[in-house]
Amino acid sequence: MIEKEQHLPFCTRLVRVLLPGGICHYYGKEGETEPPREEDTPSVRYLAYGSSITHGSLSLILPFSYPFLIAEALGVDCINQGYAGSAFMEASVAEYMVSRKDWDFATLELEINMLGTSISDEEYEQRVIKFLDFFAKDGRPVFVTDIFGNNQNNQERAKVFREIIYRNATAKNMFYTNGLHLLDNSAYISTDMVHPSGAGHRRIAECWTEIIKDTLLVLE
């Protein structure tokens, strides 16, 4: 009754399994279950790529991450492709995500996981170029950001990485937003100095949702 009265985007009988970090084993299912029907989920789907921040690691509770909050605000479905500790902008990952035809727009969080590596600035830029090229050729709207505000000590290198992403996210279907615009508040960072707190995820979601909403309305 509530589902019909309030036009909820998801069928209330639908259950989504959210996987934590680490190794997971699938042993099967029991009981009367069936995959969702087309009308059980929103017709618009949003794909989010990024690090553990995108995945929702260390959030208050796993669904309380900026991709889920953006999806909730827009009334769309979310395909979360956050790779905790291992989002390195591999071309094969970009190729896989673009090969999926079940999403309508995407957000790309690039790329805090590579700050602590020995990769050179030149190698980093080449990786950015190859990664973004798959999305540029695909043509679907892609919202790109770089490294969110954090309390680490490598701010100079983060600045270099942001500049590299800014000058390469220039395709017609790409809409760049500086990570510091989405989150630049030291009080919104958890005690590990990297991951946003619940307030930080909410801040990112609120800022990015407005940008996405305004852009998609213009594109229509």
C-alpha atoms as a PDB file:
ATOM      1  CA  MET A   1       0.000   0.000   0.000  1.00  0.00           C
ATOM      2  CA  ILE A   2       2.785   2.414   0.929  1.00  0.00           C
ATOM      3  CA  GLU A   3       4.662   1.489  -2.238  1.00  0.00           C
ATOM      4  CA  LYS A   4       1.702   2.530  -4.390  1.00  0.00           C
ATOM      5  CA  GLU A   5       0.732   5.616  -2.397  1.00  0.00           C
ATOM      6  CA  GLN A   6       4.238   7.085  -2.308  1.00  0.00           C
ATOM      7  CA  HIS A   7       5.398   5.838  -5.728  1.00  0.00           C
ATOM      8  CA  LEU A   8       8.457   4.114  -4.284  1.00  0.00           C
ATOM      9  CA  PRO A   9      11.129   3.416  -6.931  1.00  0.00           C
ATOM     10  CA  PHE A  10      11.710  -0.185  -5.783  1.00  0.00           C
ATOM     11  CA  CYS A  11       9.295  -3.022  -5.148  1.00  0.00           C
ATOM     12  CA  THR A  12       9.069  -3.534  -1.371  1.00  0.00           C
ATOM     13  CA  ARG A  13       9.566  -7.298  -1.792  1.00  0.00           C
ATOM     14  CA  LEU A  14      12.951  -6.733  -3.374  1.00  0.00           C
ATOM     15  CA  VAL A  15      16.099  -7.556  -1.366  1.00  0.00           C
ATOM     16  CA  ARG A  16      19.570  -6.344  -2.387  1.00  0.00           C
ATOM     17  CA  VAL A  17      22.618  -8.167  -1.049  1.00  0.00           C
ATOM     18  CA  LEU A  18      25.499  -5.789  -0.282  1.00  0.00           C
ATOM     19  CA  LEU A  19      28.919  -7.405  -0.141  1.00  0.00           C
ATOM     20  CA  PRO A  20      31.597  -6.227   2.326  1.00  0.00           C
ATOM     21  CA  GLY A  21      35.285  -5.999   1.487  1.00  0.00           C
ATOM     22  CA  GLY A  22      37.386  -9.148   1.448  1.00  0.00           C
ATOM     23  CA  ILE A  23      36.655 -12.633   0.131  1.00  0.00           C
ATOM     24  CA  CYS A  24      33.032 -13.742  -0.169  1.00  0.00           C
ATOM     25  CA  HIS A  25      31.762 -17.244  -0.953  1.00  0.00           C
ATOM     26  CA  TYR A  26      28.411 -17.993  -2.589  1.00  0.00           C
ATOM     27  CA  TYR A  27      26.840 -21.230  -1.362  1.00  0.00           C
ATOM     28  CA  GLY A  28      23.473 -20.998  -3.086  1.00  0.00           C
ATOM     29  CA  LYS A  29      19.980 -19.937  -2.109  1.00  0.00           C
ATOM     30  CA  GLU A  30      16.964 -21.517  -0.465  1.00  0.00           C
ATOM     31  CA  GLY A  31      13.262 -20.758  -0.448  1.00  0.00           C
ATOM     32  CA  GLU A  32      10.910 -19.248  -2.979  1.00  0.00           C
ATOM     33  CA  THR A  33      12.956 -16.581  -4.726  1.00  0.00           C
ATOM     34  CA  GLU A  34      13.012 -15.054  -8.179  1.00  0.00           C
ATOM     35  CA  PRO A  35      15.055 -12.355  -9.911  1.00  0.00           C
ATOM     36  CA  PRO A  36      13.493  -8.886 -10.030  1.00  0.00           C
ATOM     37  CA  ARG A  37      11.093  -8.100 -12.819  1.00  0.00           C
ATOM     38  CA  GLU A  38      11.675  -5.033 -14.966  1.00  0.00           C
ATOM     39  CA  GLU A  39       8.955  -3.099 -13.150  1.00  0.00           C
ATOM     40  CA  ASP A  40      10.448  -3.900  -9.718  1.00  0.00           C
ATOM     41  CA  THR A  41      13.340  -1.454 -10.125  1.00  0.00           C
ATOM     42  CA  PRO A  42      13.764   2.068 -11.551  1.00  0.00           C
ATOM     43  CA  SER A  43      14.169   2.232 -15.310  1.00  0.00           C
ATOM     44  CA  VAL A  44      17.233   4.511 -14.988  1.00  0.00           C
ATOM     45  CA  ARG A  45      20.464   3.011 -13.684  1.00  0.00           C
ATOM     46  CA  TYR A  46      23.575   4.788 -12.469  1.00  0.00           C
ATOM     47  CA  LEU A  47      27.069   3.251 -12.363  1.00  0.00           C
ATOM     48  CA  ALA A  48      29.598   4.489  -9.797  1.00  0.00           C
ATOM     49  CA  TYR A  49      33.321   3.661 -10.122  1.00  0.00           C
ATOM     50  CA  GLY A  50      35.963   4.488  -7.559  1.00  0.00           C
ATOM     51  CA  SER A  51      37.911   3.493  -4.478  1.00  0.00           C
ATOM     52  CA  SER A  52      36.785   2.231  -1.070  1.00  0.00           C
ATOM     53  CA  ILE A  53      35.142   5.631  -0.610  1.00  0.00           C
ATOM     54  CA  THR A  54      32.801   4.833  -3.487  1.00  0.00           C
ATOM     55  CA  HIS A  55      32.349   1.271  -2.242  1.00  0.00           C
ATOM     56  CA  GLY A  56      31.268   2.604   1.147  1.00  0.00           C
ATOM     57  CA  SER A  57      34.025   0.981   3.203  1.00  0.00           C
ATOM     58  CA  LEU A  58      34.153   2.273   6.788  1.00  0.00           C
ATOM     59  CA  SER A  59      30.844   4.071   6.366  1.00  0.00           C
ATOM     60  CA  LEU A  60      28.463   4.042   9.318  1.00  0.00           C
ATOM     61  CA  ILE A  61      26.588   1.308   7.494  1.00  0.00           C
ATOM     62  CA  LEU A  62      27.367   0.030   3.982  1.00  0.00           C
ATOM     63  CA  PRO A  63      24.425   1.569   2.050  1.00  0.00           C
ATOM     64  CA  PHE A  64      25.215   4.979   3.558  1.00  0.00           C
ATOM     65  CA  SER A  65      27.721   5.971   0.888  1.00  0.00           C
ATOM     66  CA  TYR A  66      27.562   8.812  -1.594  1.00  0.00           C
ATOM     67  CA  PRO A  67      26.555   6.617  -4.603  1.00  0.00           C
ATOM     68  CA  PHE A  68      23.566   5.202  -2.733  1.00  0.00           C
ATOM     69  CA  LEU A  69      22.602   8.664  -1.490  1.00  0.00           C
ATOM     70  CA  ILE A  70      22.836  10.084  -5.033  1.00  0.00           C
ATOM     71  CA  ALA A  71      20.729   7.220  -6.384  1.00  0.00           C
ATOM     72  CA  GLU A  72      18.166   7.715  -3.638  1.00  0.00           C
ATOM     73  CA  ALA A  73      17.931  11.460  -4.289  1.00  0.00           C
ATOM     74  CA  LEU A  74      17.494  10.927  -8.040  1.00  0.00           C
ATOM     75  CA  GLY A  75      15.173   7.935  -7.707  1.00  0.00           C
ATOM     76  CA  VAL A  76      17.441   5.689  -9.800  1.00  0.00           C
ATOM     77  CA  ASP A  77      19.086   2.287  -9.379  1.00  0.00           C
ATOM     78  CA  CYS A  78      22.779   2.117  -8.441  1.00  0.00           C
ATOM     79  CA  ILE A  79      25.463  -0.235  -9.741  1.00  0.00           C
ATOM     80  CA  ASN A  80      28.351   0.241  -7.315  1.00  0.00           C
ATOM     81  CA  GLN A  81      31.764  -0.506  -8.826  1.00  0.00           C
ATOM     82  CA  GLY A  82      33.860   0.714  -5.906  1.00  0.00           C
ATOM     83  CA  TYR A  83      37.103  -1.262  -5.519  1.00  0.00           C
ATOM     84  CA  ALA A  84      38.465  -0.955  -1.993  1.00  0.00           C
ATOM     85  CA  GLY A  85      42.203  -0.350  -2.052  1.00  0.00           C
ATOM     86  CA  SER A  86      42.563  -1.502  -5.643  1.00  0.00           C
ATOM     87  CA  ALA A  87      41.019   1.087  -7.953  1.00  0.00           C
ATOM     88  CA  PHE A  88      43.963   1.659 -10.276  1.00  0.00           C
ATOM     89  CA  MET A  89      42.185   2.769 -13.467  1.00  0.00           C
ATOM     90  CA  GLU A  90      42.983  -0.434 -15.356  1.00  0.00           C
ATOM     91  CA  ALA A  91      41.946  -0.249 -19.008  1.00  0.00           C
ATOM     92  CA  SER A  92      40.340  -3.696 -18.707  1.00  0.00           C
ATOM     93  CA  VAL A  93      38.051  -2.450 -15.921  1.00  0.00           C
ATOM     94  CA  ALA A  94      37.002   0.561 -17.995  1.00  0.00           C
ATOM     95  CA  GLU A  95      36.363  -1.721 -20.976  1.00  0.00           C
ATOM     96  CA  TYR A  96      34.207  -4.002 -18.819  1.00  0.00           C
ATOM     97  CA  MET A  97      32.115  -1.168 -17.388  1.00  0.00           C
ATOM     98  CA  VAL A  98      31.541   0.399 -20.803  1.00  0.00           C
ATOM     99  CA  SER A  99      30.582  -3.021 -22.214  1.00  0.00           C
ATOM    100  CA  ARG A 100      27.680  -3.115 -19.753  1.00  0.00           C
ATOM    101  CA  LYS A 101      24.544  -1.745 -21.357  1.00  0.00           C
ATOM    102  CA  ASP A 102      22.528  -1.668 -18.135  1.00  0.00           C
ATOM    103  CA  TRP A 103      23.493   1.859 -17.012  1.00  0.00           C
ATOM    104  CA  ASP A 104      22.491   5.302 -18.262  1.00  0.00           C
ATOM    105  CA  PHE A 105      25.074   7.601 -16.649  1.00  0.00           C
ATOM    106  CA  ALA A 106      28.157   7.129 -14.490  1.00  0.00           C
ATOM    107  CA  THR A 107      30.343   8.820 -11.897  1.00  0.00           C
ATOM    108  CA  LEU A 108      34.092   8.206 -11.824  1.00  0.00           C
ATOM    109  CA  GLU A 109      36.123   8.904  -8.676  1.00  0.00           C
ATOM    110  CA  LEU A 110      39.810   9.038  -9.737  1.00  0.00           C
ATOM    111  CA  GLU A 111      42.146   8.029  -8.034  1.00  0.00           C
ATOM    112  CA  ILE A 112      43.256   8.221  -4.429  1.00  0.00           C
ATOM    113  CA  ASN A 113      44.454   4.600  -4.390  1.00  0.00           C
ATOM    114  CA  MET A 114      47.422   5.549  -6.558  1.00  0.00           C
ATOM    115  CA  LEU A 115      48.738   8.321  -4.321  1.00  0.00           C
ATOM    116  CA  GLY A 116      50.821   5.897  -2.297  1.00  0.00           C
ATOM    117  CA  THR A 117      52.290   4.053  -5.278  1.00  0.00           C
ATOM    118  CA  SER A 118      55.580   4.634  -7.086  1.00  0.00           C
ATOM    119  CA  ILE A 119      53.879   5.476 -10.378  1.00  0.00           C
ATOM    120  CA  SER A 120      55.349   8.524 -12.128  1.00  0.00           C
ATOM    121  CA  ASP A 121      53.240  11.504 -13.113  1.00  0.00           C
ATOM    122  CA  GLU A 122      53.724  10.595 -16.778  1.00  0.00           C
ATOM    123  CA  GLU A 123      52.590   7.004 -16.252  1.00  0.00           C
ATOM    124  CA  TYR A 124      49.633   8.237 -14.215  1.00  0.00           C
ATOM    125  CA  GLU A 125      48.536  10.542 -17.022  1.00  0.00           C
ATOM    126  CA  GLN A 126      48.785   7.794 -19.619  1.00  0.00           C
ATOM    127  CA  ARG A 127      46.618   5.583 -17.431  1.00  0.00           C
ATOM    128  CA  VAL A 128      44.050   8.377 -17.044  1.00  0.00           C
ATOM    129  CA  ILE A 129      43.964   8.932 -20.822  1.00  0.00           C
ATOM    130  CA  LYS A 130      43.433   5.247 -21.643  1.00  0.00           C
ATOM    131  CA  PHE A 131      40.825   4.800 -18.912  1.00  0.00           C
ATOM    132  CA  LEU A 132      38.747   7.824 -19.890  1.00  0.00           C
ATOM    133  CA  ASP A 133      39.002   7.072 -23.601  1.00  0.00           C
ATOM    134  CA  PHE A 134      36.671   4.071 -23.252  1.00  0.00           C
ATOM    135  CA  PHE A 135      33.975   6.286 -21.741  1.00  0.00           C
ATOM    136  CA  ALA A 136      34.558   9.092 -24.241  1.00  0.00           C
ATOM    137  CA  LYS A 137      33.977   6.732 -27.169  1.00  0.00           C
ATOM    138  CA  ASP A 138      30.904   5.246 -25.493  1.00  0.00           C
ATOM    139  CA  GLY A 139      29.106   8.584 -25.328  1.00  0.00           C
ATOM    140  CA  ARG A 140      26.887   8.099 -22.271  1.00  0.00           C
ATOM    141  CA  PRO A 141      27.068  10.961 -19.698  1.00  0.00           C
ATOM    142  CA  VAL A 142      29.994  10.555 -17.311  1.00  0.00           C
ATOM    143  CA  PHE A 143      30.611  12.730 -14.255  1.00  0.00           C
ATOM    144  CA  VAL A 144      34.293  12.776 -13.335  1.00  0.00           C
ATOM    145  CA  THR A 145      35.935  13.858 -10.120  1.00  0.00           C
ATOM    146  CA  ASP A 146      39.376  13.402  -8.645  1.00  0.00           C
ATOM    147  CA  ILE A 147      40.629  13.133  -5.067  1.00  0.00           C
ATOM    148  CA  PHE A 148      38.243  14.287  -2.357  1.00  0.00           C
ATOM    149  CA  GLY A 149      39.574  16.420   0.468  1.00  0.00           C
ATOM    150  CA  ASN A 150      41.423  14.342   3.063  1.00  0.00           C
ATOM    151  CA  ASN A 151      43.779  14.803   6.005  1.00  0.00           C
ATOM    152  CA  GLN A 152      46.814  12.979   4.600  1.00  0.00           C
ATOM    153  CA  ASN A 153      50.262  14.515   4.192  1.00  0.00           C
ATOM    154  CA  ASN A 154      50.651  14.056   0.422  1.00  0.00           C
ATOM    155  CA  GLN A 155      48.625  17.086  -0.642  1.00  0.00           C
ATOM    156  CA  GLU A 156      51.188  18.259  -3.207  1.00  0.00           C
ATOM    157  CA  ARG A 157      51.011  15.018  -5.146  1.00  0.00           C
ATOM    158  CA  ALA A 158      47.230  15.037  -4.876  1.00  0.00           C
ATOM    159  CA  LYS A 159      47.265  18.495  -6.467  1.00  0.00           C
ATOM    160  CA  VAL A 160      49.332  17.165  -9.397  1.00  0.00           C
ATOM    161  CA  PHE A 161      46.953  14.226  -9.868  1.00  0.00           C
ATOM    162  CA  ARG A 162      43.933  16.563  -9.827  1.00  0.00           C
ATOM    163  CA  GLU A 163      45.480  18.725 -12.537  1.00  0.00           C
ATOM    164  CA  ILE A 164      46.142  15.653 -14.701  1.00  0.00           C
ATOM    165  CA  ILE A 165      42.535  14.491 -14.451  1.00  0.00           C
ATOM    166  CA  TYR A 166      41.202  18.014 -15.075  1.00  0.00           C
ATOM    167  CA  ARG A 167      43.065  18.436 -18.344  1.00  0.00           C
ATOM    168  CA  ASN A 168      42.079  15.003 -19.664  1.00  0.00           C
ATOM    169  CA  ALA A 169      38.375  14.822 -18.710  1.00  0.00           C
ATOM    170  CA  THR A 170      37.421  16.982 -21.674  1.00  0.00           C
ATOM    171  CA  ALA A 171      35.250  14.781 -23.899  1.00  0.00           C
ATOM    172  CA  LYS A 172      31.809  16.120 -24.800  1.00  0.00           C
ATOM    173  CA  ASN A 173      30.065  13.539 -22.628  1.00  0.00           C
ATOM    174  CA  MET A 174      32.299  14.205 -19.585  1.00  0.00           C
ATOM    175  CA  PHE A 175      31.481  16.670 -16.824  1.00  0.00           C
ATOM    176  CA  TYR A 176      34.367  17.332 -14.465  1.00  0.00           C
ATOM    177  CA  THR A 177      34.074  18.502 -10.847  1.00  0.00           C
ATOM    178  CA  ASN A 178      37.095  19.050  -8.614  1.00  0.00           C
ATOM    179  CA  GLY A 179      37.072  16.678  -5.636  1.00  0.00           C
ATOM    180  CA  LEU A 180      37.697  19.606  -3.312  1.00  0.00           C
ATOM    181  CA  HIS A 181      34.459  21.192  -4.505  1.00  0.00           C
ATOM    182  CA  LEU A 182      32.564  18.055  -3.504  1.00  0.00           C
ATOM    183  CA  LEU A 183      34.333  17.646  -0.160  1.00  0.00           C
ATOM    184  CA  ASP A 184      36.798  20.054   1.418  1.00  0.00           C
ATOM    185  CA  ASN A 185      36.081  19.958   5.139  1.00  0.00           C
ATOM    186  CA  SER A 186      38.651  18.370   7.447  1.00  0.00           C
ATOM    187  CA  ALA A 187      35.973  17.765  10.072  1.00  0.00           C
ATOM    188  CA  TYR A 188      34.160  15.429   7.649  1.00  0.00           C
ATOM    189  CA  ILE A 189      37.056  12.939   7.455  1.00  0.00           C
ATOM    190  CA  SER A 190      37.240   9.777   9.593  1.00  0.00           C
ATOM    191  CA  THR A 191      40.111   9.106  11.979  1.00  0.00           C
ATOM    192  CA  ASP A 192      42.038   7.151   9.337  1.00  0.00           C
ATOM    193  CA  MET A 193      42.588  10.550   7.634  1.00  0.00           C
ATOM    194  CA  VAL A 194      41.195   9.260   4.309  1.00  0.00           C
ATOM    195  CA  HIS A 195      37.584   8.093   4.345  1.00  0.00           C
ATOM    196  CA  PRO A 196      34.726  10.577   4.653  1.00  0.00           C
ATOM    197  CA  SER A 197      32.529  10.312   7.706  1.00  0.00           C
ATOM    198  CA  GLY A 198      28.775   9.951   7.334  1.00  0.00           C
ATOM    199  CA  ALA A 199      28.547  13.727   7.106  1.00  0.00           C
ATOM    200  CA  GLY A 200      31.236  13.664   4.416  1.00  0.00           C
ATOM    201  CA  HIS A 201      29.335  11.157   2.282  1.00  0.00           C
ATOM    202  CA  ARG A 202      26.209  13.259   2.661  1.00  0.00           C
ATOM    203  CA  ARG A 203      28.097  16.374   1.594  1.00  0.00           C
ATOM    204  CA  ILE A 204      29.528  14.686  -1.524  1.00  0.00           C
ATOM    205  CA  ALA A 205      26.107  13.331  -2.438  1.00  0.00           C
ATOM    206  CA  GLU A 206      24.336  16.655  -2.013  1.00  0.00           C
ATOM    207  CA  CYS A 207      26.852  18.562  -4.125  1.00  0.00           C
ATOM    208  CA  TRP A 208      27.163  15.976  -6.879  1.00  0.00           C
ATOM    209  CA  THR A 209      23.427  15.292  -7.040  1.00  0.00           C
ATOM    210  CA  GLU A 210      22.734  18.931  -7.920  1.00  0.00           C
ATOM    211  CA  ILE A 211      25.392  18.899 -10.645  1.00  0.00           C
ATOM    212  CA  ILE A 212      24.117  15.614 -12.104  1.00  0.00           C
ATOM    213  CA  LYS A 213      20.489  16.678 -11.963  1.00  0.00           C
ATOM    214  CA  ASP A 214      21.117  20.047 -13.624  1.00  0.00           C
ATOM    215  CA  THR A 215      23.301  18.501 -16.340  1.00  0.00           C
ATOM    216  CA  LEU A 216      20.953  15.666 -17.207  1.00  0.00           C
ATOM    217  CA  LEU A 217      18.009  18.062 -17.421  1.00  0.00           C
ATOM    218  CA  VAL A 218      19.977  20.181 -19.892  1.00  0.00           C
ATOM    219  CA  LEU A 219      20.871  17.103 -21.948  1.00  0.00           C
ATOM    220  CA  GLU A 220      17.206  16.114 -22.195  1.00  0.00           C
END
